């Protein structure tokens, strides 16, 4: 899935999102953060975090 497809999927799956809202996808070491912003706002109204799959052995280190 490319970035445009991901953004379109997130827009369609989020019921509280308005057409004027924006989404920011922020990758980080252990996954991805998705921030939802209302128009002209600097603080996100919703944040979702998707963690990368980690092997059980990696958690024990």
Protein backbone atom coordinates (compact mmCIF):
# COMPACT_ATOMS: atom_id res chain seq x y z
CA UNK A 1 0.00 0.00 0.00
CA UNK A 2 1.49 3.35 -0.96
CA UNK A 3 1.13 6.55 1.07
CA UNK A 4 -1.84 7.91 -0.92
CA UNK A 5 -3.74 4.63 -0.53
CA UNK A 6 -2.99 4.59 3.19
CA UNK A 7 -4.24 8.15 3.68
CA UNK A 8 -7.41 7.40 1.71
CA UNK A 9 -8.04 4.27 3.79
CA UNK A 10 -7.54 6.20 7.05
CA UNK A 11 -9.92 8.95 5.90
CA UNK A 12 -12.62 6.43 4.99
CA UNK A 13 -12.22 4.35 8.16
CA UNK A 14 -12.31 7.25 10.63
CA UNK A 15 -15.95 8.20 11.25
CA UNK A 16 -15.19 11.38 13.22
CA UNK A 17 -13.05 12.89 10.46
CA UNK A 18 -14.41 15.91 8.60
CA UNK A 19 -13.55 16.66 4.93
CA UNK A 20 -11.48 19.68 6.01
CA UNK A 21 -9.41 17.67 8.55
CA UNK A 22 -5.88 16.51 7.84
CA UNK A 23 -3.83 13.44 8.71
CA UNK A 24 -0.14 13.19 9.53
CA UNK A 25 1.61 9.79 9.48
CA UNK A 26 4.73 9.70 11.64
CA UNK A 27 6.96 6.59 11.56
CA UNK A 28 8.99 5.83 14.67
CA UNK A 29 11.30 3.05 15.84
CA UNK A 30 8.63 0.53 16.87
CA UNK A 31 5.71 1.43 14.61
CA UNK A 32 3.69 4.32 13.22
CA UNK A 33 1.69 7.19 14.74
CA UNK A 34 -1.29 8.65 12.92
CA UNK A 35 -2.32 12.16 14.01
CA UNK A 36 -5.70 13.64 13.09
CA UNK A 37 -6.02 17.45 12.96
CA UNK A 38 -9.01 19.74 12.57
CA UNK A 39 -8.55 22.53 10.04
CA UNK A 40 -6.26 25.33 11.30
CA UNK A 41 -5.39 23.47 14.53
CA UNK A 42 -1.90 22.62 15.76
CA UNK A 43 -2.92 20.06 18.37
CA UNK A 44 -4.29 16.72 17.10
CA UNK A 45 -7.78 15.78 18.23
CA UNK A 46 -6.99 12.07 17.87
CA UNK A 47 -3.82 9.98 17.85
CA UNK A 48 -3.57 6.34 16.88
CA UNK A 49 -0.47 4.21 17.30
CA UNK A 50 0.19 1.08 15.28
CA UNK A 51 3.04 -1.04 16.62
CA UNK A 52 5.20 -3.18 14.40
CA UNK A 53 4.94 -6.92 14.99
CA UNK A 54 7.61 -8.00 17.44
CA UNK A 55 8.72 -11.55 18.15
CA UNK A 56 8.14 -12.71 21.75
CA UNK A 57 11.88 -13.36 22.12
CA UNK A 58 12.66 -9.73 21.29
CA UNK A 59 10.47 -8.57 24.18
CA UNK A 60 12.48 -10.55 26.69
CA UNK A 61 15.80 -8.84 25.89
